[in-house]
Amino acid sequence: MKENIRKEFKNHFGCEGTLYASAGRINLIGEHTDYNGGFVFPGAIDKVIMAEIRPNDSDKVRVYSIDIDDYVEFGLNEEDAPKQQWARYIFGICREIIKRGGVVKGFDAVFAGNVPLGAGLSSSAALESCFAFALNDLFNNNAIDKFELARIGQSTEHNYCGVNCGIMDQFASVFGKKGNLMRLDCRSMEFEYFPFNPQGYKLVLVDSVVKHELVDSPYNKRRQSCERVAKHLGVETLRDATKEALEAAKSEISEEDYSRAKFVIEEKERVLDVCDALNRGDYETVGQLMYATHTGLSKDYEVSCVELDFLNDIAKECGVTGSRIMGGGFGGCTINLVADDKYDNFISEAVKRFNEKYGHEPKIYDVVISDGAHKITE
């Protein structure tokens, strides 16, 4: 990928720039809790968006995407927003830095990635973090702190891409550290690294290669449900809600809102329980909590789909320690914690049975926990 980017940059711009990369992410547990002020438990992975970038002494940004085979030019004022969705991520990063008083001038860039699209691994956050980190380095002498870089990515999603997301994806992409997962408190923004090197187990993603197109915006609708319940309970976010308070208000809120809030409140506790289990080296408990999360995401939050539930069932039948849908939902992949001696059978069963039922094989990605946004020094 690096050689390809170098070649295309030379072809398009006739010179060399600096290489930067930022990672996709997994989240072991803590789904849809970030925008509810709760805890998440992500890590950066060894799949990245990589870009070669060079200031061009103009007020124009010129970018070529290798994977989409598309080229765009845009200015740095609000009215210069490009039409292409992929380019709006980069434009948004530029604008959010400028809005905060940072400096962005014209630059040339070529980028590519190996973060699987649509698998729930946050390729968009990897793209945002890669460019935010690079522009901070090239134009701002790294004066913008890492948390602000993550917020710049989040604001780009809100203001330029129409997704009212939490902070987790950008946080993981910026702060990722090889061999460590991170527990982030999405309210206080305090975080802690947890060494993650499970002896005798593998983490593997099974990608359904399914993405259900939905008519409305289910992500934003679920967020609205959570906000309605929090308001009804008199708390700022569901982070401060208890199961008891929710049960007491059950007859006063809609059944749908109740189910959404129930999941979030239970998931908040599961993240803390997973941290305790990891400190004990108790991966069996971690696995049970992953299965409980899947059930909640499928039944209460209703963001699963038949393909992902099928993969989860296969995992159970194959004795996989833990398995759950990962990411926003409605397609994508399951994340699985698999004992070494059960790995080969699980993978072969999942591939064979999924293909028999749905007519295509799922993709398999072994997970390596890696570093987040960085400059590539050669």
Protein backbone atom coordinates (compact mmCIF):
# COMPACT_ATOMS: atom_id res chain seq x y z
CA MET A 1 0.00 0.00 0.00
CA LYS A 2 2.83 2.39 0.89
CA GLU A 3 4.59 1.87 -2.46
CA ASN A 4 1.31 2.35 -4.33
CA ILE A 5 0.59 5.63 -2.51
CA ARG A 6 4.12 6.85 -3.19
CA LYS A 7 3.77 6.01 -6.89
CA GLU A 8 0.37 7.71 -7.28
CA PHE A 9 1.52 10.82 -5.41
CA LYS A 10 4.49 11.16 -7.78
CA ASN A 11 2.18 10.60 -10.78
CA HIS A 12 -0.33 13.24 -9.67
CA PHE A 13 1.89 15.86 -8.10
CA GLY A 14 5.41 15.17 -9.38
CA CYS A 15 7.11 15.22 -5.98
CA GLU A 16 7.15 13.52 -2.56
CA GLY A 17 5.27 14.25 0.63
CA THR A 18 5.13 12.85 4.16
CA LEU A 19 3.34 9.61 5.02
CA TYR A 20 0.81 9.36 7.85
CA ALA A 21 -1.49 6.56 8.99
CA SER A 22 -4.32 5.99 11.42
CA ALA A 23 -6.04 2.80 12.43
CA GLY A 24 -9.47 1.28 12.32
CA ARG A 25 -10.72 -0.02 15.63
CA ILE A 26 -12.43 -2.85 17.39
CA ASN A 27 -14.50 -2.46 20.51
CA LEU A 28 -14.42 -5.43 22.85
CA ILE A 29 -17.54 -4.29 24.68
CA GLY A 30 -19.52 -1.09 25.30
CA GLU A 31 -21.67 -0.51 22.23
CA HIS A 32 -23.89 2.59 21.85
CA THR A 33 -22.75 3.74 25.29
CA ASP A 34 -20.43 6.51 24.14
CA TYR A 35 -23.14 9.05 23.28
CA ASN A 36 -24.87 8.11 26.55
CA GLY A 37 -21.94 9.24 28.71
CA GLY A 38 -20.93 5.68 29.53
CA PHE A 39 -17.82 3.56 29.14
CA VAL A 40 -16.34 1.94 26.04
CA PHE A 41 -13.47 -0.50 25.66
CA PRO A 42 -11.86 -0.13 22.22
CA GLY A 43 -8.45 -0.76 20.69
CA ALA A 44 -6.78 0.26 17.44
CA ILE A 45 -6.09 -2.54 14.94
CA ASP A 46 -3.50 -3.27 12.26
CA LYS A 47 -5.78 -2.07 9.45
CA VAL A 48 -5.19 1.57 8.49
CA ILE A 49 -5.91 4.54 6.29
CA MET A 50 -2.57 5.81 4.97
CA ALA A 51 -1.98 9.15 3.26
CA GLU A 52 0.92 10.98 1.67
CA ILE A 53 0.50 14.73 2.15
CA ARG A 54 2.47 17.81 1.16
CA PRO A 55 1.71 21.56 1.50
CA ASN A 56 1.28 23.12 -1.96
CA ASP A 57 1.64 26.86 -1.20
CA SER A 58 -1.90 27.63 -2.35
CA ASP A 59 -5.35 27.91 -0.80
CA LYS A 60 -6.56 24.76 -2.57
CA VAL A 61 -6.70 21.16 -1.36
CA ARG A 62 -6.11 18.52 -4.03
CA VAL A 63 -6.80 14.91 -3.05
CA TYR A 64 -6.78 11.60 -4.92
CA SER A 65 -8.39 8.50 -3.40
CA ILE A 66 -6.76 5.35 -4.75
CA ASP A 67 -9.48 3.00 -3.52
CA ILE A 68 -12.35 5.00 -5.03
CA ASP A 69 -10.25 6.15 -8.01
CA ASP A 70 -11.57 9.69 -7.64
CA TYR A 71 -9.90 13.09 -7.54
CA VAL A 72 -11.21 16.27 -5.96
CA GLU A 73 -10.14 19.87 -5.46
CA PHE A 74 -11.69 22.24 -2.95
CA GLY A 75 -11.02 25.52 -1.16
CA LEU A 76 -10.91 26.01 2.60
CA ASN A 77 -13.98 28.23 3.10
CA GLU A 78 -17.35 26.92 4.23
CA GLU A 79 -18.92 27.46 0.81
CA ASP A 80 -16.21 25.28 -0.82
CA ALA A 81 -17.61 21.99 0.52
CA PRO A 82 -17.14 19.18 -2.05
CA LYS A 83 -20.09 17.10 -3.22
CA GLN A 84 -18.35 13.70 -2.91
CA GLN A 85 -19.11 12.13 0.47
CA TRP A 86 -15.59 10.74 0.94
CA ALA A 87 -14.07 14.20 0.36
CA ARG A 88 -16.39 15.79 2.92
CA TYR A 89 -14.55 13.91 5.68
CA ILE A 90 -11.30 15.62 4.69
CA PHE A 91 -12.97 19.00 4.11
CA GLY A 92 -14.67 18.71 7.51
CA ILE A 93 -11.34 18.08 9.26
CA CYS A 94 -9.86 21.19 7.59
CA ARG A 95 -12.84 23.33 8.59
CA GLU A 96 -13.00 22.07 12.18
CA ILE A 97 -9.30 22.83 12.71
CA ILE A 98 -9.76 26.33 11.25
CA LYS A 99 -12.88 26.95 13.38
CA ARG A 100 -10.83 26.19 16.48
CA GLY A 101 -8.21 28.76 15.53
CA GLY A 102 -5.80 26.28 14.01
CA VAL A 103 -4.01 26.67 10.69
CA VAL A 104 -4.74 24.78 7.48
CA LYS A 105 -3.32 25.82 4.13
CA GLY A 106 -3.54 24.21 0.73
CA PHE A 107 -2.09 20.72 0.40
CA ASP A 108 -1.87 17.77 -1.96
CA ALA A 109 -2.73 14.27 -0.76
CA VAL A 110 -3.10 10.70 -1.99
CA PHE A 111 -4.58 8.08 0.32
CA ALA A 112 -5.61 4.44 0.46
CA GLY A 113 -6.66 2.00 3.12
CA ASN A 114 -7.07 -1.62 4.12
CA VAL A 115 -9.74 -1.02 6.77
CA PRO A 116 -12.62 -3.16 5.46
CA LEU A 117 -15.55 -0.92 4.53
CA GLY A 118 -18.96 -1.64 6.07
CA ALA A 119 -17.54 -4.07 8.64
CA GLY A 120 -18.01 -1.74 11.63
CA LEU A 121 -14.27 -1.08 11.95
CA SER A 122 -14.61 2.68 11.56
CA SER A 123 -12.83 3.41 8.32
CA SER A 124 -14.31 6.93 8.46
CA ALA A 125 -12.72 7.65 11.86
CA ALA A 126 -9.41 6.28 10.56
CA LEU A 127 -9.62 8.69 7.61
CA GLU A 128 -10.51 11.64 9.85
CA SER A 129 -7.78 10.85 12.38
CA CYS A 130 -5.14 10.35 9.70
CA PHE A 131 -5.78 13.79 8.20
CA ALA A 132 -6.30 15.52 11.56
CA PHE A 133 -2.99 14.16 12.85
CA ALA A 134 -1.20 15.08 9.61
CA LEU A 135 -2.56 18.65 9.40
CA ASN A 136 -1.69 19.18 13.07
CA ASP A 137 1.87 18.07 12.32
CA LEU A 138 2.30 19.93 9.02
CA PHE A 139 0.64 23.26 9.84
CA ASN A 140 0.29 23.52 13.64
CA ASN A 141 3.56 22.16 15.02
CA ASN A 142 1.49 19.52 16.87
CA ALA A 143 -0.02 22.21 19.11
CA ILE A 144 -3.50 20.62 19.04
CA ASP A 145 -3.73 17.96 21.74
CA LYS A 146 -4.83 14.43 20.98
CA PHE A 147 -8.26 14.72 22.60
CA GLU A 148 -8.99 17.77 20.47
CA LEU A 149 -7.95 15.80 17.36
CA ALA A 150 -10.53 13.15 18.31
CA ARG A 151 -13.18 15.85 18.86
CA ILE A 152 -12.31 17.39 15.48
CA GLY A 153 -13.09 14.02 13.87
CA GLN A 154 -16.33 13.70 15.82
CA SER A 155 -17.41 17.25 14.86
CA THR A 156 -16.66 16.44 11.22
CA GLU A 157 -19.16 13.55 11.42
CA HIS A 158 -21.77 15.81 13.07
CA ASN A 159 -21.37 18.89 10.89
CA TYR A 160 -20.32 17.58 7.47
CA CYS A 161 -21.37 13.93 7.22
CA GLY A 162 -24.76 13.81 9.00
CA VAL A 163 -23.90 11.24 11.68
CA ASN A 164 -24.49 12.29 15.29
CA CYS A 165 -21.83 9.89 16.62
CA GLY A 166 -20.09 9.61 19.97
CA ILE A 167 -16.36 10.04 20.52
CA MET A 168 -15.24 6.41 20.72
CA ASP A 169 -14.16 5.72 17.14
CA GLN A 170 -12.02 8.81 16.78
CA PHE A 171 -10.61 8.37 20.30
CA ALA A 172 -9.50 4.80 19.54
CA SER A 173 -8.03 5.81 16.21
CA VAL A 174 -5.98 8.64 17.78
CA PHE A 175 -4.97 7.07 21.11
CA GLY A 176 -4.51 3.42 20.10
CA LYS A 177 -1.49 1.67 21.63
CA LYS A 178 -0.02 -1.63 20.48
CA GLY A 179 -0.98 -4.54 22.76
CA ASN A 180 -3.46 -2.49 24.79
CA LEU A 181 -7.19 -1.93 24.91
CA MET A 182 -8.49 1.28 26.44
CA ARG A 183 -11.34 1.93 28.83
CA LEU A 184 -12.68 5.39 28.09
CA ASP A 185 -15.12 7.23 30.31
CA CYS A 186 -17.07 9.12 27.64
CA ARG A 187 -18.29 11.71 30.13
CA SER A 188 -15.08 12.70 31.92
CA MET A 189 -12.84 11.64 28.99
CA GLU A 190 -10.54 9.89 31.48
CA PHE A 191 -9.05 6.71 30.09
CA GLU A 192 -6.84 3.85 31.09
CA TYR A 193 -4.81 1.38 29.05
CA PHE A 194 -5.40 -2.31 29.76
CA PRO A 195 -2.73 -4.73 28.45
CA PHE A 196 -4.50 -7.21 26.20
CA ASN A 197 -2.61 -10.31 25.20
CA PRO A 198 -4.93 -13.21 25.98
CA GLN A 199 -2.81 -16.35 26.19
CA GLY A 200 -4.63 -19.32 24.67
CA TYR A 201 -7.26 -17.20 22.89
CA LYS A 202 -7.59 -15.32 19.62
CA LEU A 203 -9.74 -12.34 18.73
CA VAL A 204 -11.26 -12.76 15.27
CA LEU A 205 -13.81 -10.79 13.27
CA VAL A 206 -16.31 -12.60 11.06
CA ASP A 207 -17.57 -10.11 8.49
CA SER A 208 -21.00 -10.94 7.09
CA VAL A 209 -20.28 -8.68 4.09
CA VAL A 210 -23.87 -7.51 4.56
CA LYS A 211 -24.92 -3.91 4.99
CA HIS A 212 -28.65 -3.32 5.15
CA GLU A 213 -29.66 -0.01 3.61
CA LEU A 214 -32.25 1.59 5.86
CA VAL A 215 -34.77 4.18 4.87
CA ASP A 216 -34.49 6.38 7.95
CA SER A 217 -31.49 7.06 10.17
CA PRO A 218 -31.69 4.28 12.77
CA TYR A 219 -28.56 5.44 14.58
CA ASN A 220 -29.92 8.93 15.18
CA LYS A 221 -33.35 7.51 16.13
CA ARG A 222 -31.82 5.36 18.85
CA ARG A 223 -29.89 8.29 20.18
CA GLN A 224 -33.13 10.28 20.36
CA SER A 225 -34.77 7.44 22.32
CA CYS A 226 -31.96 7.52 24.86
CA GLU A 227 -32.15 11.30 25.18
CA ARG A 228 -35.93 11.18 25.72
CA VAL A 229 -35.58 8.64 28.54
CA ALA A 230 -32.72 10.55 30.19
CA LYS A 231 -34.82 13.72 30.13
CA HIS A 232 -37.83 11.86 31.56
CA LEU A 233 -35.67 10.47 34.39
CA GLY A 234 -34.19 13.90 35.09
CA VAL A 235 -30.59 12.95 34.32
CA GLU A 236 -28.20 14.43 31.81
CA THR A 237 -27.44 11.09 30.13
CA LEU A 238 -28.30 7.44 30.74
CA ARG A 239 -24.89 7.12 32.40
CA ASP A 240 -26.61 8.40 35.57
CA ALA A 241 -29.76 6.31 35.19
CA THR A 242 -30.36 3.18 37.27
CA LYS A 243 -32.29 0.04 36.42
CA GLU A 244 -34.60 0.81 39.34
CA ALA A 245 -35.45 4.31 38.06
CA LEU A 246 -36.09 2.94 34.58
CA GLU A 247 -38.40 0.21 35.91
CA ALA A 248 -40.31 2.78 37.96
CA ALA A 249 -40.88 4.88 34.83
CA LYS A 250 -41.71 1.96 32.54
CA SER A 251 -45.41 2.74 32.26
CA GLU A 252 -44.71 6.42 31.49
CA ILE A 253 -42.47 5.93 28.43
CA SER A 254 -42.92 4.06 25.17
CA GLU A 255 -42.04 0.38 25.01
CA GLU A 256 -39.40 1.15 22.40
CA ASP A 257 -37.72 3.84 24.47
CA TYR A 258 -37.76 1.54 27.51
CA SER A 259 -36.01 -1.24 25.58
CA ARG A 260 -33.35 1.12 24.22
CA ALA A 261 -32.58 2.55 27.67
CA LYS A 262 -32.58 -0.90 29.29
CA PHE A 263 -29.82 -2.04 26.96
CA VAL A 264 -27.67 1.05 27.54
CA ILE A 265 -27.93 0.87 31.34
CA GLU A 266 -27.03 -2.84 31.35
CA GLU A 267 -24.18 -2.32 28.86
CA LYS A 268 -22.65 0.36 31.08
CA GLU A 269 -22.28 -2.22 33.84
CA ARG A 270 -20.96 -4.90 31.49
CA VAL A 271 -17.97 -2.77 30.46
CA LEU A 272 -16.90 -2.39 34.10
CA ASP A 273 -17.44 -6.10 34.71
CA VAL A 274 -15.24 -6.96 31.70
CA CYS A 275 -12.45 -4.77 33.09
CA ASP A 276 -12.62 -6.61 36.42
CA ALA A 277 -12.60 -9.97 34.63
CA LEU A 278 -9.58 -9.00 32.50
CA ASN A 279 -7.68 -7.95 35.62
CA ARG A 280 -8.32 -11.46 36.96
CA GLY A 281 -7.39 -13.09 33.62
CA ASP A 282 -10.94 -14.51 33.56
CA TYR A 283 -11.68 -14.73 29.83
CA GLU A 284 -14.66 -17.05 30.32
CA THR A 285 -16.52 -14.25 32.12
CA VAL A 286 -15.46 -11.78 29.42
CA GLY A 287 -17.00 -14.15 26.87
CA GLN A 288 -20.29 -14.52 28.76
CA LEU A 289 -20.62 -10.74 28.92
CA MET A 290 -19.98 -10.49 25.15
CA TYR A 291 -22.85 -12.92 24.51
CA ALA A 292 -25.08 -10.88 26.85
CA THR A 293 -24.24 -7.75 24.86
CA HIS A 294 -25.20 -9.48 21.62
CA THR A 295 -28.57 -10.50 23.05
CA GLY A 296 -29.22 -6.92 24.20
CA LEU A 297 -28.19 -5.43 20.85
CA SER A 298 -30.40 -7.90 19.01
CA LYS A 299 -33.51 -7.90 21.22
CA ASP A 300 -33.56 -4.56 23.08
CA TYR A 301 -31.60 -2.16 20.87
CA GLU A 302 -32.67 -3.95 17.67
CA VAL A 303 -29.55 -3.18 15.66
CA SER A 304 -28.68 -6.73 14.70
CA CYS A 305 -29.90 -8.63 11.62
CA VAL A 306 -30.60 -12.27 10.79
CA GLU A 307 -27.12 -12.80 9.32
CA LEU A 308 -25.34 -11.57 12.46
CA ASP A 309 -27.64 -13.52 14.77
CA PHE A 310 -26.87 -16.62 12.68
CA LEU A 311 -23.11 -16.08 13.10
CA ASN A 312 -23.61 -15.61 16.84
CA ASP A 313 -25.55 -18.88 17.04
CA ILE A 314 -22.78 -20.73 15.17
CA ALA A 315 -20.22 -19.33 17.63
CA LYS A 316 -22.26 -20.67 20.56
CA GLU A 317 -22.62 -24.10 18.95
CA CYS A 318 -18.87 -24.26 18.29
CA GLY A 319 -18.02 -23.48 21.92
CA VAL A 320 -16.61 -20.02 21.17
CA THR A 321 -15.88 -18.24 24.46
CA GLY A 322 -17.56 -14.96 23.49
CA SER A 323 -19.25 -13.49 20.43
CA ARG A 324 -21.26 -10.38 19.63
CA ILE A 325 -22.20 -7.97 16.88
CA MET A 326 -19.71 -5.11 16.75
CA GLY A 327 -20.29 -1.55 15.56
CA GLY A 328 -23.43 0.44 14.85
CA GLY A 329 -25.32 -2.57 13.52
CA PHE A 330 -27.58 -3.65 10.64
CA GLY A 331 -24.74 -5.63 9.07
CA GLY A 332 -21.01 -5.72 9.43
CA CYS A 333 -19.28 -8.27 11.61
CA THR A 334 -19.19 -10.20 14.83
CA ILE A 335 -16.20 -10.03 17.17
CA ASN A 336 -15.28 -13.39 18.65
CA LEU A 337 -13.04 -14.46 21.52
CA VAL A 338 -12.02 -18.00 20.59
CA ALA A 339 -9.92 -20.53 22.47
CA ASP A 340 -6.98 -21.65 20.30
CA ASP A 341 -8.15 -25.28 20.18
CA LYS A 342 -11.61 -24.26 18.90
CA TYR A 343 -10.44 -21.70 16.33
CA ASP A 344 -10.04 -23.87 13.20
CA ASN A 345 -13.37 -25.65 13.63
CA PHE A 346 -15.24 -22.41 14.31
CA ILE A 347 -13.85 -20.67 11.23
CA SER A 348 -14.54 -23.61 8.91
CA GLU A 349 -18.09 -24.05 10.28
CA ALA A 350 -18.87 -20.32 10.08
CA VAL A 351 -17.63 -20.06 6.48
CA LYS A 352 -19.36 -23.25 5.32
CA ARG A 353 -22.73 -22.77 7.02
CA PHE A 354 -23.00 -19.05 6.24
CA ASN A 355 -22.24 -19.75 2.58
CA GLU A 356 -24.86 -22.51 2.47
CA LYS A 357 -27.52 -20.24 3.97
CA TYR A 358 -26.74 -16.87 2.36
CA GLY A 359 -24.88 -17.72 -0.84
CA HIS A 360 -21.58 -16.03 -0.05
CA GLU A 361 -18.73 -16.60 2.36
CA PRO A 362 -18.07 -14.26 5.27
CA LYS A 363 -14.64 -12.62 5.47
CA ILE A 364 -12.34 -13.51 8.35
CA TYR A 365 -10.02 -10.96 9.98
CA ASP A 366 -7.69 -11.90 12.79
CA VAL A 367 -7.29 -8.92 15.11
CA VAL A 368 -3.90 -7.50 16.06
CA ILE A 369 -4.09 -4.61 18.55
CA SER A 370 -1.87 -1.85 17.20
CA ASP A 371 -0.91 1.82 17.37
CA GLY A 372 -3.24 4.69 16.44
CA ALA A 373 -2.48 7.84 14.41
CA HIS A 374 1.20 8.37 13.62
CA LYS A 375 3.71 9.70 11.14
CA ILE A 376 5.46 6.99 9.16
CA THR A 377 9.21 7.39 9.33
CA GLU A 378 11.08 5.42 6.74
